[in-house]
Amino acid sequence: MLVMPMLARDGSTSARYLVSGTALAGPTCPVEQLPPDDRCSPRPVNNAVLLFIDQAGRQAAEAVTDADGHFAASLSPGTYTLVAQPVEGLLREPPPETVVVNGPVVLTVRYDTGIR
């Protein structure tokens, strides 16, 4: 379902949209292979916590990735900052990212493995 009408406290309905995607970690090989080697593809990140912060600085949603790196959250239209939390075993989390929600959104969140 792409649009999920929700009943607001005042009895009106407000649209909420699905924000989904995949968290990946890379690089996975120390040297890029030519032609590309499938064994060196970015790998899914399991149990990554992704926070969606509204413009007032409040947490609007939290998503946790599954074993395939997939996540989903339901958000009202607006502008949010996606803040990926650190994941043990990965060098660093991606920088905060602005997400504009005015319909369904699909994202790729890229963690750094530290392999060079």
PDB file of N, CA and C in Angstrom:
ATOM      1  N   MET A   1       0.854  -1.166   0.000  1.00  0.00           N
ATOM      2  CA  MET A   1       0.000   0.000   0.000  1.00  0.00           C
ATOM      3  C   MET A   1       0.902   1.231   0.000  1.00  0.00           C
ATOM      4  N   LEU A   2       0.636   2.155  -0.880  1.00  0.00           N
ATOM      5  CA  LEU A   2       1.483   3.331  -1.001  1.00  0.00           C
ATOM      6  C   LEU A   2       1.039   4.480  -0.125  1.00  0.00           C
ATOM      7  N   VAL A   3      -0.271   4.722  -0.051  1.00  0.00           N
ATOM      8  CA  VAL A   3      -0.794   5.800   0.777  1.00  0.00           C
ATOM      9  C   VAL A   3      -1.618   5.169   1.882  1.00  0.00           C
ATOM     10  N   MET A   4      -1.328   5.557   3.114  1.00  0.00           N
ATOM     11  CA  MET A   4      -2.045   5.003   4.244  1.00  0.00           C
ATOM     12  C   MET A   4      -2.752   6.121   4.982  1.00  0.00           C
ATOM     13  N   PRO A   5      -4.072   6.316   4.745  1.00  0.00           N
ATOM     14  CA  PRO A   5      -4.758   7.368   5.480  1.00  0.00           C
ATOM     15  C   PRO A   5      -4.827   7.007   6.961  1.00  0.00           C
ATOM     16  N   MET A   6      -4.558   7.968   7.805  1.00  0.00           N
ATOM     17  CA  MET A   6      -4.576   7.753   9.243  1.00  0.00           C
ATOM     18  C   MET A   6      -5.585   8.722   9.841  1.00  0.00           C
ATOM     19  N   LEU A   7      -6.244   8.311  10.891  1.00  0.00           N
ATOM     20  CA  LEU A   7      -7.196   9.168  11.571  1.00  0.00           C
ATOM     21  C   LEU A   7      -6.444  10.034  12.570  1.00  0.00           C
ATOM     22  N   ALA A   8      -6.520  11.340  12.386  1.00  0.00           N
ATOM     23  CA  ALA A   8      -5.847  12.281  13.290  1.00  0.00           C
ATOM     24  C   ALA A   8      -6.684  12.480  14.545  1.00  0.00           C
ATOM     25  N   ARG A   9      -6.095  13.099  15.563  1.00  0.00           N
ATOM     26  CA  ARG A   9      -6.802  13.335  16.830  1.00  0.00           C
ATOM     27  C   ARG A   9      -8.062  14.169  16.646  1.00  0.00           C
ATOM     28  N   ASP A  10      -8.045  15.067  15.649  1.00  0.00           N
ATOM     29  CA  ASP A  10      -9.218  15.920  15.438  1.00  0.00           C
ATOM     30  C   ASP A  10     -10.278  15.240  14.578  1.00  0.00           C
ATOM     31  N   GLY A  11     -10.060  13.956  14.226  1.00  0.00           N
ATOM     32  CA  GLY A  11     -11.039  13.214  13.439  1.00  0.00           C
ATOM     33  C   GLY A  11     -10.803  13.279  11.948  1.00  0.00           C
ATOM     34  N   SER A  12      -9.896  14.159  11.476  1.00  0.00           N
ATOM     35  CA  SER A  12      -9.616  14.237  10.048  1.00  0.00           C
ATOM     36  C   SER A  12      -8.620  13.144   9.675  1.00  0.00           C
ATOM     37  N   THR A  13      -8.478  12.918   8.402  1.00  0.00           N
ATOM     38  CA  THR A  13      -7.489  11.934   7.958  1.00  0.00           C
ATOM     39  C   THR A  13      -6.293  12.668   7.366  1.00  0.00           C
ATOM     40  N   SER A  14      -5.136  12.089   7.538  1.00  0.00           N
ATOM     41  CA  SER A  14      -3.927  12.656   6.948  1.00  0.00           C
ATOM     42  C   SER A  14      -3.174  11.536   6.250  1.00  0.00           C
ATOM     43  N   ALA A  15      -2.588  11.859   5.114  1.00  0.00           N
ATOM     44  CA  ALA A  15      -1.877  10.860   4.340  1.00  0.00           C
ATOM     45  C   ALA A  15      -0.543  10.541   5.001  1.00  0.00           C
ATOM     46  N   ARG A  16      -0.159   9.296   4.918  1.00  0.00           N
ATOM     47  CA  ARG A  16       1.163   8.847   5.335  1.00  0.00           C
ATOM     48  C   ARG A  16       1.708   8.038   4.174  1.00  0.00           C
ATOM     49  N   TYR A  17       3.003   8.143   3.973  1.00  0.00           N
ATOM     50  CA  TYR A  17       3.627   7.475   2.846  1.00  0.00           C
ATOM     51  C   TYR A  17       4.704   6.512   3.310  1.00  0.00           C
ATOM     52  N   LEU A  18       4.902   5.496   2.517  1.00  0.00           N
ATOM     53  CA  LEU A  18       5.911   4.495   2.804  1.00  0.00           C
ATOM     54  C   LEU A  18       7.278   5.001   2.370  1.00  0.00           C
ATOM     55  N   VAL A  19       8.216   5.023   3.308  1.00  0.00           N
ATOM     56  CA  VAL A  19       9.611   5.324   3.027  1.00  0.00           C
ATOM     57  C   VAL A  19      10.343   4.013   3.266  1.00  0.00           C
ATOM     58  N   SER A  20      10.929   3.470   2.211  1.00  0.00           N
ATOM     59  CA  SER A  20      11.554   2.154   2.318  1.00  0.00           C
ATOM     60  C   SER A  20      12.883   2.150   1.587  1.00  0.00           C
ATOM     61  N   GLY A  21      13.603   1.061   1.728  1.00  0.00           N
ATOM     62  CA  GLY A  21      14.863   0.953   1.022  1.00  0.00           C
ATOM     63  C   GLY A  21      15.740  -0.138   1.569  1.00  0.00           C
ATOM     64  N   THR A  22      17.027   0.008   1.299  1.00  0.00           N
ATOM     65  CA  THR A  22      18.010  -0.996   1.666  1.00  0.00           C
ATOM     66  C   THR A  22      19.250  -0.311   2.230  1.00  0.00           C
ATOM     67  N   ALA A  23      19.818  -0.898   3.283  1.00  0.00           N
ATOM     68  CA  ALA A  23      21.093  -0.445   3.828  1.00  0.00           C
ATOM     69  C   ALA A  23      22.167  -1.419   3.353  1.00  0.00           C
ATOM     70  N   LEU A  24      23.227  -0.869   2.763  1.00  0.00           N
ATOM     71  CA  LEU A  24      24.323  -1.677   2.222  1.00  0.00           C
ATOM     72  C   LEU A  24      25.644  -1.218   2.815  1.00  0.00           C
ATOM     73  N   ALA A  25      26.606  -2.146   2.905  1.00  0.00           N
ATOM     74  CA  ALA A  25      27.950  -1.831   3.377  1.00  0.00           C
ATOM     75  C   ALA A  25      28.953  -2.172   2.295  1.00  0.00           C
ATOM     76  N   GLY A  26      29.868  -1.268   2.062  1.00  0.00           N
ATOM     77  CA  GLY A  26      30.903  -1.489   1.066  1.00  0.00           C
ATOM     78  C   GLY A  26      32.046  -0.529   1.310  1.00  0.00           C
ATOM     79  N   PRO A  27      33.157  -0.660   0.668  1.00  0.00           N
ATOM     80  CA  PRO A  27      33.470  -1.755  -0.244  1.00  0.00           C
ATOM     81  C   PRO A  27      33.683  -3.062   0.529  1.00  0.00           C
ATOM     82  N   THR A  28      33.586  -4.183  -0.205  1.00  0.00           N
ATOM     83  CA  THR A  28      33.754  -5.496   0.412  1.00  0.00           C
ATOM     84  C   THR A  28      35.026  -6.190  -0.055  1.00  0.00           C
ATOM     85  N   CYS A  29      35.718  -5.627  -1.022  1.00  0.00           N
ATOM     86  CA  CYS A  29      36.996  -6.144  -1.500  1.00  0.00           C
ATOM     87  C   CYS A  29      38.005  -4.999  -1.482  1.00  0.00           C
ATOM     88  N   PRO A  30      39.288  -5.293  -1.192  1.00  0.00           N
ATOM     89  CA  PRO A  30      40.269  -4.210  -1.084  1.00  0.00           C
ATOM     90  C   PRO A  30      40.578  -3.498  -2.394  1.00  0.00           C
ATOM     91  N   VAL A  31      40.377  -4.152  -3.515  1.00  0.00           N
ATOM     92  CA  VAL A  31      40.665  -3.537  -4.808  1.00  0.00           C
ATOM     93  C   VAL A  31      39.493  -3.823  -5.723  1.00  0.00           C
ATOM     94  N   GLU A  32      39.000  -2.796  -6.380  1.00  0.00           N
ATOM     95  CA  GLU A  32      37.892  -2.991  -7.309  1.00  0.00           C
ATOM     96  C   GLU A  32      38.336  -3.900  -8.447  1.00  0.00           C
ATOM     97  N   GLN A  33      37.525  -4.886  -8.729  1.00  0.00           N
ATOM     98  CA  GLN A  33      37.834  -5.860  -9.766  1.00  0.00           C
ATOM     99  C   GLN A  33      37.239  -5.420 -11.101  1.00  0.00           C
ATOM    100  N   LEU A  34      38.008  -5.573 -12.173  1.00  0.00           N
ATOM    101  CA  LEU A  34      37.508  -5.312 -13.523  1.00  0.00           C
ATOM    102  C   LEU A  34      37.719  -6.559 -14.350  1.00  0.00           C
ATOM    103  N   PRO A  35      36.700  -7.117 -14.918  1.00  0.00           N
ATOM    104  CA  PRO A  35      35.298  -6.719 -14.796  1.00  0.00           C
ATOM    105  C   PRO A  35      34.810  -6.914 -13.362  1.00  0.00           C
ATOM    106  N   PRO A  36      33.714  -6.239 -13.003  1.00  0.00           N
ATOM    107  CA  PRO A  36      33.201  -6.332 -11.634  1.00  0.00           C
ATOM    108  C   PRO A  36      32.967  -7.781 -11.203  1.00  0.00           C
ATOM    109  N   ASP A  37      33.334  -8.075  -9.981  1.00  0.00           N
ATOM    110  CA  ASP A  37      33.183  -9.406  -9.395  1.00  0.00           C
ATOM    111  C   ASP A  37      32.009  -9.362  -8.426  1.00  0.00           C
ATOM    112  N   ASP A  38      31.007 -10.224  -8.629  1.00  0.00           N
ATOM    113  CA  ASP A  38      29.816 -10.241  -7.765  1.00  0.00           C
ATOM    114  C   ASP A  38      30.168 -10.470  -6.299  1.00  0.00           C
ATOM    115  N   ARG A  39      31.304 -11.148  -6.033  1.00  0.00           N
ATOM    116  CA  ARG A  39      31.708 -11.382  -4.652  1.00  0.00           C
ATOM    117  C   ARG A  39      32.101 -10.082  -3.967  1.00  0.00           C
ATOM    118  N   CYS A  40      32.323  -9.020  -4.730  1.00  0.00           N
ATOM    119  CA  CYS A  40      32.733  -7.729  -4.171  1.00  0.00           C
ATOM    120  C   CYS A  40      31.583  -6.728  -4.097  1.00  0.00           C
ATOM    121  N   SER A  41      30.376  -7.188  -4.351  1.00  0.00           N
ATOM    122  CA  SER A  41      29.208  -6.301  -4.281  1.00  0.00           C
ATOM    123  C   SER A  41      28.972  -5.872  -2.837  1.00  0.00           C
ATOM    124  N   PRO A  42      28.400  -4.676  -2.642  1.00  0.00           N
ATOM    125  CA  PRO A  42      28.052  -4.270  -1.279  1.00  0.00           C
ATOM    126  C   PRO A  42      27.148  -5.321  -0.642  1.00  0.00           C
ATOM    127  N   ARG A  43      27.298  -5.482   0.669  1.00  0.00           N
ATOM    128  CA  ARG A  43      26.497  -6.486   1.373  1.00  0.00           C
ATOM    129  C   ARG A  43      25.409  -5.806   2.203  1.00  0.00           C
ATOM    130  N   PRO A  44      24.286  -6.499   2.416  1.00  0.00           N
ATOM    131  CA  PRO A  44      23.217  -5.920   3.223  1.00  0.00           C
ATOM    132  C   PRO A  44      23.666  -5.728   4.672  1.00  0.00           C
ATOM    133  N   VAL A  45      23.122  -4.713   5.313  1.00  0.00           N
ATOM    134  CA  VAL A  45      23.418  -4.435   6.716  1.00  0.00           C
ATOM    135  C   VAL A  45      22.196  -4.834   7.544  1.00  0.00           C
ATOM    136  N   ASN A  46      22.400  -5.797   8.435  1.00  0.00           N
ATOM    137  CA  ASN A  46      21.337  -6.277   9.305  1.00  0.00           C
ATOM    138  C   ASN A  46      21.334  -5.482  10.611  1.00  0.00           C
ATOM    139  N   ASN A  47      20.155  -5.202  11.133  1.00  0.00           N
ATOM    140  CA  ASN A  47      19.985  -4.536  12.433  1.00  0.00           C
ATOM    141  C   ASN A  47      20.501  -3.110  12.481  1.00  0.00           C
ATOM    142  N   ALA A  48      20.553  -2.424  11.358  1.00  0.00           N
ATOM    143  CA  ALA A  48      20.899  -0.999  11.364  1.00  0.00           C
ATOM    144  C   ALA A  48      19.672  -0.217  11.818  1.00  0.00           C
ATOM    145  N   VAL A  49      19.873   0.724  12.710  1.00  0.00           N
ATOM    146  CA  VAL A  49      18.784   1.568  13.203  1.00  0.00           C
ATOM    147  C   VAL A  49      18.846   2.894  12.450  1.00  0.00           C
ATOM    148  N   LEU A  50      17.738   3.245  11.810  1.00  0.00           N
ATOM    149  CA  LEU A  50      17.632   4.472  11.024  1.00  0.00           C
ATOM    150  C   LEU A  50      16.560   5.356  11.650  1.00  0.00           C
ATOM    151  N   LEU A  51      16.952   6.579  11.998  1.00  0.00           N
ATOM    152  CA  LEU A  51      16.019   7.518  12.625  1.00  0.00           C
ATOM    153  C   LEU A  51      15.609   8.585  11.621  1.00  0.00           C
ATOM    154  N   PHE A  52      14.336   8.917  11.619  1.00  0.00           N
ATOM    155  CA  PHE A  52      13.809   9.998  10.788  1.00  0.00           C
ATOM    156  C   PHE A  52      13.440  11.138  11.724  1.00  0.00           C
ATOM    157  N   ILE A  53      14.150  12.268  11.588  1.00  0.00           N
ATOM    158  CA  ILE A  53      13.980  13.417  12.464  1.00  0.00           C
ATOM    159  C   ILE A  53      13.230  14.501  11.701  1.00  0.00           C
ATOM    160  N   ASP A  54      12.162  15.046  12.314  1.00  0.00           N
ATOM    161  CA  ASP A  54      11.395  16.088  11.630  1.00  0.00           C
ATOM    162  C   ASP A  54      12.101  17.438  11.755  1.00  0.00           C
ATOM    163  N   GLN A  55      11.527  18.462  11.147  1.00  0.00           N
ATOM    164  CA  GLN A  55      12.167  19.776  11.120  1.00  0.00           C
ATOM    165  C   GLN A  55      12.203  20.442  12.491  1.00  0.00           C
ATOM    166  N   ALA A  56      11.406  19.964  13.421  1.00  0.00           N
ATOM    167  CA  ALA A  56      11.423  20.498  14.779  1.00  0.00           C
ATOM    168  C   ALA A  56      12.458  19.781  15.649  1.00  0.00           C
ATOM    169  N   GLY A  57      13.148  18.800  15.065  1.00  0.00           N
ATOM    170  CA  GLY A  57      14.169  18.072  15.800  1.00  0.00           C
ATOM    171  C   GLY A  57      13.651  16.870  16.571  1.00  0.00           C
ATOM    172  N   ARG A  58      12.405  16.490  16.331  1.00  0.00           N
ATOM    173  CA  ARG A  58      11.799  15.341  17.017  1.00  0.00           C
ATOM    174  C   ARG A  58      11.914  14.091  16.154  1.00  0.00           C
ATOM    175  N   GLN A  59      12.058  12.959  16.801  1.00  0.00           N
ATOM    176  CA  GLN A  59      12.075  11.695  16.071  1.00  0.00           C
ATOM    177  C   GLN A  59      10.659  11.387  15.591  1.00  0.00           C
ATOM    178  N   ALA A  60      10.490  11.284  14.267  1.00  0.00           N
ATOM    179  CA  ALA A  60       9.182  11.010  13.682  1.00  0.00           C
ATOM    180  C   ALA A  60       8.973   9.520  13.444  1.00  0.00           C
ATOM    181  N   ALA A  61      10.062   8.792  13.218  1.00  0.00           N
ATOM    182  CA  ALA A  61       9.963   7.349  12.958  1.00  0.00           C
ATOM    183  C   ALA A  61      11.326   6.718  13.164  1.00  0.00           C
ATOM    184  N   GLU A  62      11.300   5.419  13.389  1.00  0.00           N
ATOM    185  CA  GLU A  62      12.516   4.615  13.491  1.00  0.00           C
ATOM    186  C   GLU A  62      12.302   3.367  12.656  1.00  0.00           C
ATOM    187  N   ALA A  63      13.321   2.985  11.904  1.00  0.00           N
ATOM    188  CA  ALA A  63      13.263   1.751  11.126  1.00  0.00           C
ATOM    189  C   ALA A  63      14.504   0.936  11.455  1.00  0.00           C
ATOM    190  N   VAL A  64      14.344  -0.380  11.497  1.00  0.00           N
ATOM    191  CA  VAL A  64      15.456  -1.294  11.738  1.00  0.00           C
ATOM    192  C   VAL A  64      15.531  -2.241  10.540  1.00  0.00           C
ATOM    193  N   THR A  65      16.734  -2.397  10.000  1.00  0.00           N
ATOM    194  CA  THR A  65      16.889  -3.241   8.816  1.00  0.00           C
ATOM    195  C   THR A  65      16.799  -4.719   9.175  1.00  0.00           C
ATOM    196  N   ASP A  66      16.314  -5.486   8.208  1.00  0.00           N
ATOM    197  CA  ASP A  66      16.240  -6.937   8.381  1.00  0.00           C
ATOM    198  C   ASP A  66      17.522  -7.585   7.846  1.00  0.00           C
ATOM    199  N   ALA A  67      17.559  -8.904   7.788  1.00  0.00           N
ATOM    200  CA  ALA A  67      18.754  -9.629   7.358  1.00  0.00           C
ATOM    201  C   ALA A  67      19.161  -9.294   5.926  1.00  0.00           C
ATOM    202  N   ASP A  68      18.212  -8.849   5.108  1.00  0.00           N
ATOM    203  CA  ASP A  68      18.506  -8.466   3.721  1.00  0.00           C
ATOM    204  C   ASP A  68      18.801  -6.977   3.589  1.00  0.00           C
ATOM    205  N   GLY A  69      18.859  -6.265   4.719  1.00  0.00           N
ATOM    206  CA  GLY A  69      19.139  -4.833   4.700  1.00  0.00           C
ATOM    207  C   GLY A  69      17.924  -3.976   4.426  1.00  0.00           C
ATOM    208  N   HIS A  70      16.739  -4.577   4.291  1.00  0.00           N
ATOM    209  CA  HIS A  70      15.535  -3.812   3.955  1.00  0.00           C
ATOM    210  C   HIS A  70      14.942  -3.134   5.188  1.00  0.00           C
ATOM    211  N   PHE A  71      14.355  -1.970   4.965  1.00  0.00           N
ATOM    212  CA  PHE A  71      13.686  -1.235   6.035  1.00  0.00           C
ATOM    213  C   PHE A  71      12.470  -0.533   5.468  1.00  0.00           C
ATOM    214  N   ALA A  72      11.574  -0.120   6.368  1.00  0.00           N
ATOM    215  CA  ALA A  72      10.388   0.639   5.969  1.00  0.00           C
ATOM    216  C   ALA A  72       9.901   1.464   7.149  1.00  0.00           C
ATOM    217  N   ALA A  73       9.362   2.620   6.835  1.00  0.00           N
ATOM    218  CA  ALA A  73       8.758   3.505   7.838  1.00  0.00           C
ATOM    219  C   ALA A  73       7.589   4.219   7.183  1.00  0.00           C
ATOM    220  N   SER A  74       6.641   4.632   7.991  1.00  0.00           N
ATOM    221  CA  SER A  74       5.474   5.375   7.515  1.00  0.00           C
ATOM    222  C   SER A  74       5.594   6.805   8.018  1.00  0.00           C
ATOM    223  N   LEU A  75       5.595   7.779   7.083  1.00  0.00           N
ATOM    224  CA  LEU A  75       5.777   9.180   7.456  1.00  0.00           C
ATOM    225  C   LEU A  75       4.737  10.075   6.786  1.00  0.00           C
ATOM    226  N   SER A  76       4.368  11.124   7.481  1.00  0.00           N
ATOM    227  CA  SER A  76       3.500  12.149   6.909  1.00  0.00           C
ATOM    228  C   SER A  76       4.305  12.978   5.918  1.00  0.00           C
ATOM    229  N   PRO A  77       3.641  13.659   4.990  1.00  0.00           N
ATOM    230  CA  PRO A  77       4.369  14.527   4.068  1.00  0.00           C
ATOM    231  C   PRO A  77       5.202  15.554   4.834  1.00  0.00           C
ATOM    232  N   GLY A  78       6.393  15.808   4.337  1.00  0.00           N
ATOM    233  CA  GLY A  78       7.270  16.776   4.986  1.00  0.00           C
ATOM    234  C   GLY A  78       8.725  16.496   4.664  1.00  0.00           C
ATOM    235  N   THR A  79       9.591  17.251   5.314  1.00  0.00           N
ATOM    236  CA  THR A  79      11.034  17.095   5.128  1.00  0.00           C
ATOM    237  C   THR A  79      11.622  16.548   6.423  1.00  0.00           C
ATOM    238  N   TYR A  80      12.426  15.522   6.288  1.00  0.00           N
ATOM    239  CA  TYR A  80      13.020  14.831   7.425  1.00  0.00           C
ATOM    240  C   TYR A  80      14.523  14.697   7.212  1.00  0.00           C
ATOM    241  N   THR A  81      15.234  14.450   8.306  1.00  0.00           N
ATOM    242  CA  THR A  81      16.640  14.110   8.230  1.00  0.00           C
ATOM    243  C   THR A  81      16.763  12.647   8.634  1.00  0.00           C
ATOM    244  N   LEU A  82      17.334  11.847   7.743  1.00  0.00           N
ATOM    245  CA  LEU A  82      17.597  10.438   8.031  1.00  0.00           C
ATOM    246  C   LEU A  82      18.949  10.369   8.727  1.00  0.00           C
ATOM    247  N   VAL A  83      18.952   9.852   9.951  1.00  0.00           N
ATOM    248  CA  VAL A  83      20.180   9.728  10.731  1.00  0.00           C
ATOM    249  C   VAL A  83      20.414   8.238  10.987  1.00  0.00           C
ATOM    250  N   ALA A  84      21.393   7.680  10.272  1.00  0.00           N
ATOM    251  CA  ALA A  84      21.749   6.276  10.436  1.00  0.00           C
ATOM    252  C   ALA A  84      22.632   6.140  11.664  1.00  0.00           C
ATOM    253  N   GLN A  85      22.313   5.192  12.516  1.00  0.00           N
ATOM    254  CA  GLN A  85      23.078   4.963  13.740  1.00  0.00           C
ATOM    255  C   GLN A  85      24.274   4.050  13.454  1.00  0.00           C
ATOM    256  N   PRO A  86      25.334   4.146  14.268  1.00  0.00           N
ATOM    257  CA  PRO A  86      26.499   3.283  14.071  1.00  0.00           C
ATOM    258  C   PRO A  86      26.118   1.808  14.141  1.00  0.00           C
ATOM    259  N   VAL A  87      26.840   0.995  13.373  1.00  0.00           N
ATOM    260  CA  VAL A  87      26.655  -0.455  13.374  1.00  0.00           C
ATOM    261  C   VAL A  87      27.996  -1.086  13.732  1.00  0.00           C
ATOM    262  N   GLU A  88      27.984  -1.954  14.723  1.00  0.00           N
ATOM    263  CA  GLU A  88      29.216  -2.607  15.157  1.00  0.00           C
ATOM    264  C   GLU A  88      29.846  -3.365  13.990  1.00  0.00           C
ATOM    265  N   GLY A  89      31.159  -3.203  13.835  1.00  0.00           N
ATOM    266  CA  GLY A  89      31.891  -3.892  12.784  1.00  0.00           C
ATOM    267  C   GLY A  89      32.040  -3.083  11.511  1.00  0.00           C
ATOM    268  N   LEU A  90      31.368  -1.940  11.432  1.00  0.00           N
ATOM    269  CA  LEU A  90      31.501  -1.073  10.261  1.00  0.00           C
ATOM    270  C   LEU A  90      32.230   0.198  10.678  1.00  0.00           C
ATOM    271  N   LEU A  91      33.058   0.716   9.785  1.00  0.00           N
ATOM    272  CA  LEU A  91      33.904   1.860  10.111  1.00  0.00           C
ATOM    273  C   LEU A  91      33.082   3.083  10.495  1.00  0.00           C
ATOM    274  N   ARG A  92      32.113   3.423   9.656  1.00  0.00           N
ATOM    275  CA  ARG A  92      31.314   4.615   9.975  1.00  0.00           C
ATOM    276  C   ARG A  92      29.948   4.526   9.296  1.00  0.00           C
ATOM    277  N   GLU A  93      29.037   5.254   9.906  1.00  0.00           N
ATOM    278  CA  GLU A  93      27.684   5.354   9.357  1.00  0.00           C
ATOM    279  C   GLU A  93      27.667   6.448   8.296  1.00  0.00           C
ATOM    280  N   PRO A  94      26.674   6.417   7.414  1.00  0.00           N
ATOM    281  CA  PRO A  94      26.579   7.477   6.400  1.00  0.00           C
ATOM    282  C   PRO A  94      26.236   8.817   7.048  1.00  0.00           C
ATOM    283  N   PRO A  95      26.565   9.909   6.368  1.00  0.00           N
ATOM    284  CA  PRO A  95      26.198  11.216   6.910  1.00  0.00           C
ATOM    285  C   PRO A  95      24.675  11.386   6.895  1.00  0.00           C
ATOM    286  N   PRO A  96      24.143  12.272   7.733  1.00  0.00           N
ATOM    287  CA  PRO A  96      22.699  12.542   7.710  1.00  0.00           C
ATOM    288  C   PRO A  96      22.259  12.929   6.290  1.00  0.00           C
ATOM    289  N   GLU A  97      21.055  12.534   5.950  1.00  0.00           N
ATOM    290  CA  GLU A  97      20.524  12.767   4.595  1.00  0.00           C
ATOM    291  C   GLU A  97      19.137  13.389   4.689  1.00  0.00           C
ATOM    292  N   THR A  98      18.896  14.408   3.891  1.00  0.00           N
ATOM    293  CA  THR A  98      17.573  15.024   3.832  1.00  0.00           C
ATOM    294  C   THR A  98      16.658  14.160   2.977  1.00  0.00           C
ATOM    295  N   VAL A  99      15.461  13.897   3.503  1.00  0.00           N
ATOM    296  CA  VAL A  99      14.464  13.091   2.795  1.00  0.00           C
ATOM    297  C   VAL A  99      13.187  13.915   2.705  1.00  0.00           C
ATOM    298  N   VAL A 100      12.736  14.165   1.484  1.00  0.00           N
ATOM    299  CA  VAL A 100      11.490  14.891   1.262  1.00  0.00           C
ATOM    300  C   VAL A 100      10.409  13.863   0.954  1.00  0.00           C
ATOM    301  N   VAL A 101       9.364  13.865   1.765  1.00  0.00           N
ATOM    302  CA  VAL A 101       8.270  12.905   1.619  1.00  0.00           C
ATOM    303  C   VAL A 101       7.048  13.645   1.088  1.00  0.00           C
ATOM    304  N   ASN A 102       6.697  13.370  -0.154  1.00  0.00           N
ATOM    305  CA  ASN A 102       5.459  13.880  -0.734  1.00  0.00           C
ATOM    306  C   ASN A 102       4.800  12.773  -1.548  1.00  0.00           C
ATOM    307  N   GLY A 103       5.199  11.566  -1.270  1.00  0.00           N
ATOM    308  CA  GLY A 103       4.731  10.344  -1.906  1.00  0.00           C
ATOM    309  C   GLY A 103       5.661   9.239  -1.432  1.00  0.00           C
ATOM    310  N   PRO A 104       5.498   8.024  -1.941  1.00  0.00           N
ATOM    311  CA  PRO A 104       6.387   6.941  -1.552  1.00  0.00           C
ATOM    312  C   PRO A 104       7.841   7.278  -1.911  1.00  0.00           C
ATOM    313  N   VAL A 105       8.769   6.887  -1.044  1.00  0.00           N
ATOM    314  CA  VAL A 105      10.190   7.169  -1.235  1.00  0.00           C
ATOM    315  C   VAL A 105      10.967   5.863  -1.097  1.00  0.00           C
ATOM    316  N   VAL A 106      11.942   5.647  -1.987  1.00  0.00           N
ATOM    317  CA  VAL A 106      12.833   4.489  -1.904  1.00  0.00           C
ATOM    318  C   VAL A 106      14.259   5.009  -1.772  1.00  0.00           C
ATOM    319  N   LEU A 107      14.980   4.527  -0.753  1.00  0.00           N
ATOM    320  CA  LEU A 107      16.323   5.010  -0.446  1.00  0.00           C
ATOM    321  C   LEU A 107      17.332   3.866  -0.420  1.00  0.00           C
ATOM    322  N   THR A 108      18.588   4.210  -0.656  1.00  0.00           N
ATOM    323  CA  THR A 108      19.702   3.307  -0.403  1.00  0.00           C
ATOM    324  C   THR A 108      20.616   4.012   0.595  1.00  0.00           C
ATOM    325  N   VAL A 109      20.850   3.361   1.726  1.00  0.00           N
ATOM    326  CA  VAL A 109      21.697   3.902   2.780  1.00  0.00           C
ATOM    327  C   VAL A 109      23.017   3.131   2.720  1.00  0.00           C
ATOM    328  N   ARG A 110      24.135   3.855   2.565  1.00  0.00           N
ATOM    329  CA  ARG A 110      25.436   3.207   2.358  1.00  0.00           C
ATOM    330  C   ARG A 110      26.370   3.411   3.545  1.00  0.00           C
ATOM    331  N   TYR A 111      26.677   2.308   4.207  1.00  0.00           N
ATOM    332  CA  TYR A 111      27.638   2.283   5.301  1.00  0.00           C
ATOM    333  C   TYR A 111      29.040   2.019   4.735  1.00  0.00           C
ATOM    334  N   ASP A 112      30.058   2.469   5.453  1.00  0.00           N
ATOM    335  CA  ASP A 112      31.456   2.299   5.036  1.00  0.00           C
ATOM    336  C   ASP A 112      32.077   1.159   5.831  1.00  0.00           C
ATOM    337  N   THR A 113      32.647   0.171   5.124  1.00  0.00           N
ATOM    338  CA  THR A 113      33.292  -0.957   5.787  1.00  0.00           C
ATOM    339  C   THR A 113      34.715  -0.620   6.237  1.00  0.00           C
ATOM    340  N   GLY A 114      35.313   0.396   5.621  1.00  0.00           N
ATOM    341  CA  GLY A 114      36.679   0.734   5.946  1.00  0.00           C
ATOM    342  C   GLY A 114      37.712   0.002   5.104  1.00  0.00           C
ATOM    343  N   ILE A 115      37.251  -0.921   4.256  1.00  0.00           N
ATOM    344  CA  ILE A 115      38.180  -1.661   3.397  1.00  0.00           C
ATOM    345  C   ILE A 115      38.653  -0.732   2.278  1.00  0.00           C
ATOM    346  N   ARG A 116      39.953  -0.689   2.074  1.00  0.00           N
ATOM    347  CA  ARG A 116      40.500   0.162   1.003  1.00  0.00           C
ATOM    348  C   ARG A 116      41.468  -0.610   0.184  1.00  0.00           C
TER     349      ARG A 116
END
